[in-house]
Amino acid sequence: MSLTSVQIGSAKPKSSLYRLSDGRGLALEVTPQGNKRWRYRYSFGGKEKMFSLGLYPEVSLKDARNNCFVMRQLVAKGIDPSEQRQLKRAKTIGLPSFETVATEWFEKNQNVWTKKHAEQIWRRLERDIFPWIGKSSIETITPPELLKHLRKIESRGAIETAHRVKGCCGQIFRYAVATGRAERDVTQDLRDALTPVKVTHLASITDPQKIGDLLRLIDSYEGYFVTKSALKLAPLTFVRPGELRQAEWAEINLEKAEWRIPAEKMKARVLHIVPLSKQAQAVLKEIHSLTGHYQYVFPCIRTNRKPMSNNAVLSAL
């Protein structure tokens, strides 16, 4: 009688190992420790053999049946699945580890990213991937194996991080394929395996009347003049908060009415030219009298050698 997902989920460990048969050689093995693994029992060359098909729930009932079908086809063709696996592993000896390929990929791409983004990528790999599969040959890593470690990230509630790590691993596998160190990107088989990310839109004003109210409130702001100037310039340039607070006078040309933000400050690592309207020029000309002899347009209130803090504009708002 075929197994059901309910039977598998309710199977409890006993004092000794036991198996639940699904038929045609496939069985679920339950250990005294509570581990559940799929086994395919077959006969080859007059000998009874056992082949492991992975752990449950990383390998689902459907996947186990599909894998078992493939194994039966091999046996029917006179191919021993166990010997084939050993030959495949033998061929992978000498192939680079996942960490080796990942390091090479990272070094080739880190100059394209911002420093912060590069640090985030490497920190995620070091914390969530390298300890588990870093030393494994990149060619031998399977989708269920990678999924098992991605679900460890999910289990701590970091759903978005799990998706980002999966995407990062996908880029590493594709780099390995392109350089002849792997045959395929195994993350393609994990397309719908992770918990979907719940999108939460940031709060924003969309009513034209309320936008006008906000602009009038900014004009009447009575706080620090540098902060008020940054507040006034933000809706006139539409740059990111980090780009705004780190603006330098050397980047601004009032005669040409443009602000040239260097590539190293941009997320896309490309020079960004911001046209300055007459209103934006007026804001900059007014604050130039106060900060024009400093490096930053909006210096920190405590020291003019640093730009204003991340929270200055947010607190004012």
C-alpha atoms as a PDB file:
ATOM      1  CA  MET A   1       0.000   0.000   0.000  1.00  0.00           C
ATOM      2  CA  SER A   2       1.384   3.420  -0.975  1.00  0.00           C
ATOM      3  CA  LEU A   3       2.391   5.903   1.709  1.00  0.00           C
ATOM      4  CA  THR A   4       0.643   9.210   2.302  1.00  0.00           C
ATOM      5  CA  SER A   5       2.056  12.507   3.552  1.00  0.00           C
ATOM      6  CA  VAL A   6      -0.023  12.129   6.737  1.00  0.00           C
ATOM      7  CA  GLN A   7       1.485   8.699   7.482  1.00  0.00           C
ATOM      8  CA  ILE A   8       4.984  10.015   6.902  1.00  0.00           C
ATOM      9  CA  GLY A   9       4.468  13.078   9.065  1.00  0.00           C
ATOM     10  CA  SER A  10       2.993  11.053  11.933  1.00  0.00           C
ATOM     11  CA  ALA A  11       5.672   8.317  11.891  1.00  0.00           C
ATOM     12  CA  LYS A  12       7.308   8.366  15.331  1.00  0.00           C
ATOM     13  CA  PRO A  13      10.739   6.969  16.283  1.00  0.00           C
ATOM     14  CA  LYS A  14      10.893   3.610  18.033  1.00  0.00           C
ATOM     15  CA  SER A  15      13.551   1.838  20.071  1.00  0.00           C
ATOM     16  CA  SER A  16      14.995   0.366  16.876  1.00  0.00           C
ATOM     17  CA  LEU A  17      15.135   1.382  13.223  1.00  0.00           C
ATOM     18  CA  TYR A  18      12.117   0.503  11.070  1.00  0.00           C
ATOM     19  CA  ARG A  19      10.891   1.104   7.512  1.00  0.00           C
ATOM     20  CA  LEU A  20       7.559   2.072   5.956  1.00  0.00           C
ATOM     21  CA  SER A  21       7.153   0.672   2.454  1.00  0.00           C
ATOM     22  CA  ASP A  22       5.777   2.733  -0.439  1.00  0.00           C
ATOM     23  CA  GLY A  23       6.059  -0.151  -2.877  1.00  0.00           C
ATOM     24  CA  ARG A  24       8.338  -1.017  -5.819  1.00  0.00           C
ATOM     25  CA  GLY A  25      11.468  -0.847  -3.689  1.00  0.00           C
ATOM     26  CA  LEU A  26      10.889   2.571  -2.131  1.00  0.00           C
ATOM     27  CA  ALA A  27      10.702   2.838   1.655  1.00  0.00           C
ATOM     28  CA  LEU A  28      10.959   5.479   4.358  1.00  0.00           C
ATOM     29  CA  GLU A  29      13.492   4.576   7.038  1.00  0.00           C
ATOM     30  CA  VAL A  30      12.838   5.966  10.544  1.00  0.00           C
ATOM     31  CA  THR A  31      15.755   5.941  13.004  1.00  0.00           C
ATOM     32  CA  PRO A  32      15.514   5.847  16.820  1.00  0.00           C
ATOM     33  CA  GLN A  33      16.755   9.460  16.771  1.00  0.00           C
ATOM     34  CA  GLY A  34      13.738  10.500  14.691  1.00  0.00           C
ATOM     35  CA  ASN A  35      15.537  10.987  11.367  1.00  0.00           C
ATOM     36  CA  LYS A  36      13.615   9.959   8.254  1.00  0.00           C
ATOM     37  CA  ARG A  37      15.424   8.992   5.062  1.00  0.00           C
ATOM     38  CA  TRP A  38      14.347   7.506   1.781  1.00  0.00           C
ATOM     39  CA  ARG A  39      15.762   4.145   0.727  1.00  0.00           C
ATOM     40  CA  TYR A  40      15.522   2.270  -2.572  1.00  0.00           C
ATOM     41  CA  ARG A  41      15.989  -1.483  -2.230  1.00  0.00           C
ATOM     42  CA  TYR A  42      16.903  -3.338  -5.427  1.00  0.00           C
ATOM     43  CA  SER A  43      18.582  -6.476  -6.659  1.00  0.00           C
ATOM     44  CA  PHE A  44      21.629  -6.316  -8.918  1.00  0.00           C
ATOM     45  CA  GLY A  45      23.944  -9.125  -9.947  1.00  0.00           C
ATOM     46  CA  GLY A  46      22.162 -11.504  -7.618  1.00  0.00           C
ATOM     47  CA  LYS A  47      22.754  -9.259  -4.598  1.00  0.00           C
ATOM     48  CA  GLU A  48      20.325  -7.213  -2.532  1.00  0.00           C
ATOM     49  CA  LYS A  49      21.388  -3.561  -2.370  1.00  0.00           C
ATOM     50  CA  MET A  50      20.156  -0.368  -0.719  1.00  0.00           C
ATOM     51  CA  PHE A  51      20.406   3.128  -2.204  1.00  0.00           C
ATOM     52  CA  SER A  52      19.869   6.372  -0.265  1.00  0.00           C
ATOM     53  CA  LEU A  53      17.557   8.952  -1.859  1.00  0.00           C
ATOM     54  CA  GLY A  54      17.914  11.691   0.769  1.00  0.00           C
ATOM     55  CA  LEU A  55      16.261  12.884   3.962  1.00  0.00           C
ATOM     56  CA  TYR A  56      12.609  13.724   4.518  1.00  0.00           C
ATOM     57  CA  PRO A  57      11.202  16.446   4.411  1.00  0.00           C
ATOM     58  CA  GLU A  58      14.053  17.929   2.309  1.00  0.00           C
ATOM     59  CA  VAL A  59      13.165  15.249  -0.250  1.00  0.00           C
ATOM     60  CA  SER A  60       9.384  15.064  -0.500  1.00  0.00           C
ATOM     61  CA  LEU A  61       7.326  11.940  -1.153  1.00  0.00           C
ATOM     62  CA  LYS A  62       6.792  13.034  -4.757  1.00  0.00           C
ATOM     63  CA  ASP A  63      10.499  13.671  -5.306  1.00  0.00           C
ATOM     64  CA  ALA A  64      11.418  10.336  -3.721  1.00  0.00           C
ATOM     65  CA  ARG A  65       9.041   8.498  -6.067  1.00  0.00           C
ATOM     66  CA  ASN A  66      10.461  10.343  -9.075  1.00  0.00           C
ATOM     67  CA  ASN A  67      14.034   9.540  -8.019  1.00  0.00           C
ATOM     68  CA  CYS A  68      13.092   5.923  -7.392  1.00  0.00           C
ATOM     69  CA  PHE A  69      11.611   5.705 -10.899  1.00  0.00           C
ATOM     70  CA  VAL A  70      14.925   6.921 -12.339  1.00  0.00           C
ATOM     71  CA  MET A  71      16.810   4.314 -10.286  1.00  0.00           C
ATOM     72  CA  ARG A  72      14.534   1.515 -11.529  1.00  0.00           C
ATOM     73  CA  GLN A  73      15.193   2.597 -15.101  1.00  0.00           C
ATOM     74  CA  LEU A  74      18.941   2.376 -14.513  1.00  0.00           C
ATOM     75  CA  VAL A  75      18.618  -1.116 -13.067  1.00  0.00           C
ATOM     76  CA  ALA A  76      16.468  -2.165 -16.050  1.00  0.00           C
ATOM     77  CA  LYS A  77      19.288  -1.002 -18.347  1.00  0.00           C
ATOM     78  CA  GLY A  78      21.846  -3.046 -16.436  1.00  0.00           C
ATOM     79  CA  ILE A  79      23.334  -0.076 -14.575  1.00  0.00           C
ATOM     80  CA  ASP A  80      23.965  -0.275 -10.829  1.00  0.00           C
ATOM     81  CA  PRO A  81      22.892   3.074  -9.259  1.00  0.00           C
ATOM     82  CA  SER A  82      25.386   2.661  -6.399  1.00  0.00           C
ATOM     83  CA  GLU A  83      28.310   2.082  -8.769  1.00  0.00           C
ATOM     84  CA  GLN A  84      27.222   4.989 -10.938  1.00  0.00           C
ATOM     85  CA  ARG A  85      27.212   7.293  -7.886  1.00  0.00           C
ATOM     86  CA  GLN A  86      30.696   6.135  -6.911  1.00  0.00           C
ATOM     87  CA  LEU A  87      31.990   6.772 -10.441  1.00  0.00           C
ATOM     88  CA  LYS A  88      30.468  10.239 -10.443  1.00  0.00           C
ATOM     89  CA  ARG A  89      32.094  11.050  -7.107  1.00  0.00           C
ATOM     90  CA  ALA A  90      35.422   9.754  -8.389  1.00  0.00           C
ATOM     91  CA  LYS A  91      35.213  12.120 -11.359  1.00  0.00           C
ATOM     92  CA  THR A  92      34.643  15.074  -9.038  1.00  0.00           C
ATOM     93  CA  ILE A  93      37.888  14.503  -7.105  1.00  0.00           C
ATOM     94  CA  GLY A  94      40.057  17.506  -7.749  1.00  0.00           C
ATOM     95  CA  LEU A  95      37.134  19.785  -8.601  1.00  0.00           C
ATOM     96  CA  PRO A  96      37.090  23.023  -6.577  1.00  0.00           C
ATOM     97  CA  SER A  97      34.972  23.458  -3.483  1.00  0.00           C
ATOM     98  CA  PHE A  98      31.969  25.747  -3.354  1.00  0.00           C
ATOM     99  CA  GLU A  99      33.934  28.192  -1.200  1.00  0.00           C
ATOM    100  CA  THR A 100      36.807  28.297  -3.697  1.00  0.00           C
ATOM    101  CA  VAL A 101      34.512  29.150  -6.597  1.00  0.00           C
ATOM    102  CA  ALA A 102      32.527  31.607  -4.449  1.00  0.00           C
ATOM    103  CA  THR A 103      35.715  33.428  -3.440  1.00  0.00           C
ATOM    104  CA  GLU A 104      36.816  33.712  -7.066  1.00  0.00           C
ATOM    105  CA  TRP A 105      33.368  34.969  -8.099  1.00  0.00           C
ATOM    106  CA  PHE A 106      33.344  37.499  -5.252  1.00  0.00           C
ATOM    107  CA  GLU A 107      36.789  38.881  -6.106  1.00  0.00           C
ATOM    108  CA  LYS A 108      35.759  39.400  -9.734  1.00  0.00           C
ATOM    109  CA  ASN A 109      32.586  41.272  -8.803  1.00  0.00           C
ATOM    110  CA  GLN A 110      33.290  43.197  -5.604  1.00  0.00           C
ATOM    111  CA  ASN A 111      34.553  46.275  -7.462  1.00  0.00           C
ATOM    112  CA  VAL A 112      31.154  46.544  -9.178  1.00  0.00           C
ATOM    113  CA  TRP A 113      29.305  46.737  -5.850  1.00  0.00           C
ATOM    114  CA  THR A 114      29.362  49.349  -3.141  1.00  0.00           C
ATOM    115  CA  LYS A 115      31.578  48.497  -0.175  1.00  0.00           C
ATOM    116  CA  LYS A 116      28.534  47.982   2.056  1.00  0.00           C
ATOM    117  CA  HIS A 117      26.836  45.632  -0.433  1.00  0.00           C
ATOM    118  CA  ALA A 118      30.012  43.591  -0.893  1.00  0.00           C
ATOM    119  CA  GLU A 119      30.411  43.229   2.880  1.00  0.00           C
ATOM    120  CA  GLN A 120      26.796  42.071   3.224  1.00  0.00           C
ATOM    121  CA  ILE A 121      27.221  39.393   0.533  1.00  0.00           C
ATOM    122  CA  TRP A 122      30.419  38.012   2.041  1.00  0.00           C
ATOM    123  CA  ARG A 123      29.024  38.085   5.585  1.00  0.00           C
ATOM    124  CA  ARG A 124      25.973  36.071   4.484  1.00  0.00           C
ATOM    125  CA  LEU A 125      28.130  33.472   2.752  1.00  0.00           C
ATOM    126  CA  GLU A 126      30.450  33.163   5.756  1.00  0.00           C
ATOM    127  CA  ARG A 127      27.593  32.840   8.234  1.00  0.00           C
ATOM    128  CA  ASP A 128      24.950  30.848   6.371  1.00  0.00           C
ATOM    129  CA  ILE A 129      26.632  28.812   3.607  1.00  0.00           C
ATOM    130  CA  PHE A 130      30.361  28.184   4.022  1.00  0.00           C
ATOM    131  CA  PRO A 131      30.086  26.349   7.389  1.00  0.00           C
ATOM    132  CA  TRP A 132      27.767  23.766   5.786  1.00  0.00           C
ATOM    133  CA  ILE A 133      28.748  23.304   2.125  1.00  0.00           C
ATOM    134  CA  GLY A 134      31.830  25.499   1.738  1.00  0.00           C
ATOM    135  CA  LYS A 135      34.219  22.541   1.607  1.00  0.00           C
ATOM    136  CA  SER A 136      31.975  20.401  -0.628  1.00  0.00           C
ATOM    137  CA  SER A 137      32.861  19.990  -4.280  1.00  0.00           C
ATOM    138  CA  ILE A 138      30.598  22.416  -6.127  1.00  0.00           C
ATOM    139  CA  GLU A 139      29.624  19.713  -8.633  1.00  0.00           C
ATOM    140  CA  THR A 140      28.282  17.386  -5.927  1.00  0.00           C
ATOM    141  CA  ILE A 141      25.933  19.830  -4.184  1.00  0.00           C
ATOM    142  CA  THR A 142      22.290  18.873  -4.760  1.00  0.00           C
ATOM    143  CA  PRO A 143      19.121  21.001  -4.626  1.00  0.00           C
ATOM    144  CA  PRO A 144      17.795  19.237  -1.467  1.00  0.00           C
ATOM    145  CA  GLU A 145      21.138  19.767   0.269  1.00  0.00           C
ATOM    146  CA  LEU A 146      21.196  23.489  -0.478  1.00  0.00           C
ATOM    147  CA  LEU A 147      17.519  23.833   0.449  1.00  0.00           C
ATOM    148  CA  LYS A 148      18.185  22.269   3.851  1.00  0.00           C
ATOM    149  CA  HIS A 149      20.619  25.060   4.705  1.00  0.00           C
ATOM    150  CA  LEU A 150      18.448  27.805   3.241  1.00  0.00           C
ATOM    151  CA  ARG A 151      15.652  26.619   5.519  1.00  0.00           C
ATOM    152  CA  LYS A 152      17.947  27.107   8.491  1.00  0.00           C
ATOM    153  CA  ILE A 153      17.926  30.799   7.584  1.00  0.00           C
ATOM    154  CA  GLU A 154      14.126  30.708   7.239  1.00  0.00           C
ATOM    155  CA  SER A 155      13.792  29.069  10.652  1.00  0.00           C
ATOM    156  CA  ARG A 156      15.144  32.171  12.378  1.00  0.00           C
ATOM    157  CA  GLY A 157      12.543  34.318  10.595  1.00  0.00           C
ATOM    158  CA  ALA A 158      14.938  35.818   8.019  1.00  0.00           C
ATOM    159  CA  ILE A 159      12.789  35.030   4.971  1.00  0.00           C
ATOM    160  CA  GLU A 160      14.152  37.819   2.775  1.00  0.00           C
ATOM    161  CA  THR A 161      17.736  36.899   3.688  1.00  0.00           C
ATOM    162  CA  ALA A 162      17.065  33.285   2.658  1.00  0.00           C
ATOM    163  CA  HIS A 163      15.944  34.477  -0.776  1.00  0.00           C
ATOM    164  CA  ARG A 164      18.965  36.768  -1.094  1.00  0.00           C
ATOM    165  CA  VAL A 165      21.362  33.965  -0.152  1.00  0.00           C
ATOM    166  CA  LYS A 166      19.665  31.660  -2.676  1.00  0.00           C
ATOM    167  CA  GLY A 167      20.096  34.297  -5.370  1.00  0.00           C
ATOM    168  CA  CYS A 168      23.739  34.754  -4.431  1.00  0.00           C
ATOM    169  CA  CYS A 169      24.343  30.994  -4.583  1.00  0.00           C
ATOM    170  CA  GLY A 170      22.649  30.933  -7.986  1.00  0.00           C
ATOM    171  CA  GLN A 171      25.136  33.483  -9.316  1.00  0.00           C
ATOM    172  CA  ILE A 172      28.021  31.400  -7.959  1.00  0.00           C
ATOM    173  CA  PHE A 173      26.704  28.204  -9.580  1.00  0.00           C
ATOM    174  CA  ARG A 174      26.212  30.000 -12.906  1.00  0.00           C
ATOM    175  CA  TYR A 175      29.764  31.304 -12.691  1.00  0.00           C
ATOM    176  CA  ALA A 176      30.935  27.739 -12.049  1.00  0.00           C
ATOM    177  CA  VAL A 177      29.005  26.541 -15.113  1.00  0.00           C
ATOM    178  CA  ALA A 178      30.515  29.298 -17.266  1.00  0.00           C
ATOM    179  CA  THR A 179      34.045  28.407 -16.124  1.00  0.00           C
ATOM    180  CA  GLY A 180      33.603  24.648 -16.551  1.00  0.00           C
ATOM    181  CA  ARG A 181      33.452  23.690 -12.863  1.00  0.00           C
ATOM    182  CA  ALA A 182      29.782  22.657 -12.709  1.00  0.00           C
ATOM    183  CA  GLU A 183      27.161  21.328 -15.087  1.00  0.00           C
ATOM    184  CA  ARG A 184      24.165  23.323 -13.910  1.00  0.00           C
ATOM    185  CA  ASP A 185      22.743  25.868 -11.481  1.00  0.00           C
ATOM    186  CA  VAL A 186      20.978  23.750  -8.845  1.00  0.00           C
ATOM    187  CA  THR A 187      19.085  26.747  -7.454  1.00  0.00           C
ATOM    188  CA  GLN A 188      16.818  26.575 -10.508  1.00  0.00           C
ATOM    189  CA  ASP A 189      15.139  23.553  -8.887  1.00  0.00           C
ATOM    190  CA  LEU A 190      14.337  25.604  -5.772  1.00  0.00           C
ATOM    191  CA  ARG A 191      12.196  28.200  -7.532  1.00  0.00           C
ATOM    192  CA  ASP A 192       9.115  27.826  -5.297  1.00  0.00           C
ATOM    193  CA  ALA A 193      10.691  25.985  -2.386  1.00  0.00           C
ATOM    194  CA  LEU A 194      11.183  28.932  -0.025  1.00  0.00           C
ATOM    195  CA  THR A 195       8.521  30.837   1.871  1.00  0.00           C
ATOM    196  CA  PRO A 196       7.442  33.831  -0.259  1.00  0.00           C
ATOM    197  CA  VAL A 197       8.621  37.232   0.922  1.00  0.00           C
ATOM    198  CA  LYS A 198       5.753  39.366   2.219  1.00  0.00           C
ATOM    199  CA  VAL A 199       6.115  42.716   0.479  1.00  0.00           C
ATOM    200  CA  THR A 200       5.525  45.713   2.730  1.00  0.00           C
ATOM    201  CA  HIS A 201       5.506  49.066   1.000  1.00  0.00           C
ATOM    202  CA  LEU A 202       7.120  51.980   2.784  1.00  0.00           C
ATOM    203  CA  ALA A 203       4.792  54.719   3.927  1.00  0.00           C
ATOM    204  CA  SER A 204       4.540  57.591   1.441  1.00  0.00           C
ATOM    205  CA  ILE A 205       2.390  60.602   0.640  1.00  0.00           C
ATOM    206  CA  THR A 206       0.564  60.281  -2.674  1.00  0.00           C
ATOM    207  CA  ASP A 207      -2.105  62.951  -2.308  1.00  0.00           C
ATOM    208  CA  PRO A 208      -0.995  66.176  -4.108  1.00  0.00           C
ATOM    209  CA  GLN A 209      -2.669  68.329  -1.447  1.00  0.00           C
ATOM    210  CA  LYS A 210      -0.768  66.578   1.349  1.00  0.00           C
ATOM    211  CA  ILE A 211       2.501  66.852  -0.579  1.00  0.00           C
ATOM    212  CA  GLY A 212       1.937  70.589  -0.724  1.00  0.00           C
ATOM    213  CA  ASP A 213       1.292  70.610   3.028  1.00  0.00           C
ATOM    214  CA  LEU A 214       4.601  68.799   3.612  1.00  0.00           C
ATOM    215  CA  LEU A 215       6.560  71.278   1.464  1.00  0.00           C
ATOM    216  CA  ARG A 216       5.045  74.180   3.414  1.00  0.00           C
ATOM    217  CA  LEU A 217       5.995  72.491   6.695  1.00  0.00           C
ATOM    218  CA  ILE A 218       9.567  72.111   5.448  1.00  0.00           C
ATOM    219  CA  ASP A 219       9.695  75.818   4.590  1.00  0.00           C
ATOM    220  CA  SER A 220       8.513  76.686   8.107  1.00  0.00           C
ATOM    221  CA  TYR A 221      10.956  74.284   9.854  1.00  0.00           C
ATOM    222  CA  GLU A 222      12.762  76.109  12.666  1.00  0.00           C
ATOM    223  CA  GLY A 223      15.496  73.591  13.422  1.00  0.00           C
ATOM    224  CA  TYR A 224      19.182  73.525  12.411  1.00  0.00           C
ATOM    225  CA  PHE A 225      19.654  75.467   9.153  1.00  0.00           C
ATOM    226  CA  VAL A 226      21.807  72.750   7.520  1.00  0.00           C
ATOM    227  CA  THR A 227      19.116  70.158   8.181  1.00  0.00           C
ATOM    228  CA  LYS A 228      16.436  72.478   6.808  1.00  0.00           C
ATOM    229  CA  SER A 229      18.475  72.996   3.627  1.00  0.00           C
ATOM    230  CA  ALA A 230      18.815  69.247   3.148  1.00  0.00           C
ATOM    231  CA  LEU A 231      15.067  68.870   3.667  1.00  0.00           C
ATOM    232  CA  LYS A 232      14.385  71.513   1.011  1.00  0.00           C
ATOM    233  CA  LEU A 233      16.825  70.018  -1.508  1.00  0.00           C
ATOM    234  CA  ALA A 234      15.585  66.406  -1.203  1.00  0.00           C
ATOM    235  CA  PRO A 235      12.279  66.808  -3.137  1.00  0.00           C
ATOM    236  CA  LEU A 236      14.077  68.921  -5.781  1.00  0.00           C
ATOM    237  CA  THR A 237      16.664  66.261  -6.674  1.00  0.00           C
ATOM    238  CA  PHE A 238      15.135  62.842  -5.851  1.00  0.00           C
ATOM    239  CA  VAL A 239      18.433  61.322  -4.696  1.00  0.00           C
ATOM    240  CA  ARG A 240      18.811  58.689  -1.992  1.00  0.00           C
ATOM    241  CA  PRO A 241      19.231  59.911   1.622  1.00  0.00           C
ATOM    242  CA  GLY A 242      22.837  58.662   1.715  1.00  0.00           C
ATOM    243  CA  GLU A 243      23.714  60.499  -1.489  1.00  0.00           C
ATOM    244  CA  LEU A 244      22.077  63.661  -0.179  1.00  0.00           C
ATOM    245  CA  ARG A 245      23.825  63.796   3.182  1.00  0.00           C
ATOM    246  CA  GLN A 246      27.232  62.943   1.642  1.00  0.00           C
ATOM    247  CA  ALA A 247      27.038  65.639  -1.054  1.00  0.00           C
ATOM    248  CA  GLU A 248      30.342  67.495  -1.484  1.00  0.00           C
ATOM    249  CA  TRP A 249      30.891  70.972  -2.874  1.00  0.00           C
ATOM    250  CA  ALA A 250      33.491  69.576  -5.300  1.00  0.00           C
ATOM    251  CA  GLU A 251      30.661  67.606  -6.980  1.00  0.00           C
ATOM    252  CA  ILE A 252      28.411  70.619  -7.548  1.00  0.00           C
ATOM    253  CA  ASN A 253      28.747  73.062 -10.427  1.00  0.00           C
ATOM    254  CA  LEU A 254      26.275  75.903 -10.031  1.00  0.00           C
ATOM    255  CA  GLU A 255      27.333  77.515 -13.314  1.00  0.00           C
ATOM    256  CA  LYS A 256      26.377  74.365 -15.253  1.00  0.00           C
ATOM    257  CA  ALA A 257      23.463  73.725 -12.887  1.00  0.00           C
ATOM    258  CA  GLU A 258      24.440  70.099 -12.259  1.00  0.00           C
ATOM    259  CA  TRP A 259      25.511  67.816  -9.454  1.00  0.00           C
ATOM    260  CA  ARG A 260      27.818  64.991 -10.548  1.00  0.00           C
ATOM    261  CA  ILE A 261      27.705  62.174  -7.989  1.00  0.00           C
ATOM    262  CA  PRO A 262      30.796  59.919  -8.400  1.00  0.00           C
ATOM    263  CA  ALA A 263      30.278  56.265  -9.347  1.00  0.00           C
ATOM    264  CA  GLU A 264      31.774  55.022  -6.059  1.00  0.00           C
ATOM    265  CA  LYS A 265      28.917  56.663  -4.153  1.00  0.00           C
ATOM    266  CA  MET A 266      26.197  55.156  -6.341  1.00  0.00           C
ATOM    267  CA  LYS A 267      24.584  51.769  -5.822  1.00  0.00           C
ATOM    268  CA  ALA A 268      24.957  50.949  -9.534  1.00  0.00           C
ATOM    269  CA  ARG A 269      28.593  52.171  -9.502  1.00  0.00           C
ATOM    270  CA  VAL A 270      27.912  54.549 -12.396  1.00  0.00           C
ATOM    271  CA  LEU A 271      28.398  58.340 -12.493  1.00  0.00           C
ATOM    272  CA  HIS A 272      25.056  60.014 -11.768  1.00  0.00           C
ATOM    273  CA  ILE A 273      24.384  63.536 -13.046  1.00  0.00           C
ATOM    274  CA  VAL A 274      21.606  65.442 -11.263  1.00  0.00           C
ATOM    275  CA  PRO A 275      20.261  68.552 -13.042  1.00  0.00           C
ATOM    276  CA  LEU A 276      19.716  71.438 -10.642  1.00  0.00           C
ATOM    277  CA  SER A 277      16.544  73.488 -11.035  1.00  0.00           C
ATOM    278  CA  LYS A 278      16.517  77.190 -10.166  1.00  0.00           C
ATOM    279  CA  GLN A 279      14.911  76.308  -6.834  1.00  0.00           C
ATOM    280  CA  ALA A 280      17.662  73.758  -6.085  1.00  0.00           C
ATOM    281  CA  GLN A 281      20.346  76.274  -7.043  1.00  0.00           C
ATOM    282  CA  ALA A 282      18.767  78.818  -4.701  1.00  0.00           C
ATOM    283  CA  VAL A 283      18.972  76.363  -1.773  1.00  0.00           C
ATOM    284  CA  LEU A 284      22.616  75.576  -2.517  1.00  0.00           C
ATOM    285  CA  LYS A 285      23.620  79.236  -2.972  1.00  0.00           C
ATOM    286  CA  GLU A 286      22.023  80.075   0.374  1.00  0.00           C
ATOM    287  CA  ILE A 287      23.827  77.337   2.311  1.00  0.00           C
ATOM    288  CA  HIS A 288      27.125  77.970   0.469  1.00  0.00           C
ATOM    289  CA  SER A 289      27.692  81.025   2.635  1.00  0.00           C
ATOM    290  CA  LEU A 290      27.683  78.760   5.694  1.00  0.00           C
ATOM    291  CA  THR A 291      29.353  75.514   4.519  1.00  0.00           C
ATOM    292  CA  GLY A 292      30.998  76.430   1.192  1.00  0.00           C
ATOM    293  CA  HIS A 293      34.503  76.351   2.732  1.00  0.00           C
ATOM    294  CA  TYR A 294      33.958  72.800   4.065  1.00  0.00           C
ATOM    295  CA  GLN A 295      34.151  69.491   2.181  1.00  0.00           C
ATOM    296  CA  TYR A 296      30.507  68.540   2.709  1.00  0.00           C
ATOM    297  CA  VAL A 297      27.463  70.564   1.739  1.00  0.00           C
ATOM    298  CA  PHE A 298      25.650  69.269   4.825  1.00  0.00           C
ATOM    299  CA  PRO A 299      28.311  68.710   7.508  1.00  0.00           C
ATOM    300  CA  CYS A 300      27.707  67.084  10.870  1.00  0.00           C
ATOM    301  CA  ILE A 301      26.656  69.490  13.604  1.00  0.00           C
ATOM    302  CA  ARG A 302      29.514  68.252  15.845  1.00  0.00           C
ATOM    303  CA  THR A 303      32.347  68.257  13.281  1.00  0.00           C
ATOM    304  CA  ASN A 304      32.576  69.711   9.795  1.00  0.00           C
ATOM    305  CA  ARG A 305      34.916  66.899   8.711  1.00  0.00           C
ATOM    306  CA  LYS A 306      32.018  64.423   8.480  1.00  0.00           C
ATOM    307  CA  PRO A 307      28.658  64.565   6.706  1.00  0.00           C
ATOM    308  CA  MET A 308      25.421  64.852   8.659  1.00  0.00           C
ATOM    309  CA  SER A 309      24.128  61.657  10.279  1.00  0.00           C
ATOM    310  CA  ASN A 310      21.660  59.199   8.776  1.00  0.00           C
ATOM    311  CA  ASN A 311      18.968  60.248  11.231  1.00  0.00           C
ATOM    312  CA  ALA A 312      19.227  64.027  10.906  1.00  0.00           C
ATOM    313  CA  VAL A 313      16.712  64.410   8.082  1.00  0.00           C
ATOM    314  CA  LEU A 314      14.505  61.557   9.348  1.00  0.00           C
ATOM    315  CA  SER A 315      14.303  63.100  12.813  1.00  0.00           C
ATOM    316  CA  ALA A 316      13.425  66.467  11.324  1.00  0.00           C
ATOM    317  CA  LEU A 317      10.647  64.925   9.288  1.00  0.00           C
END
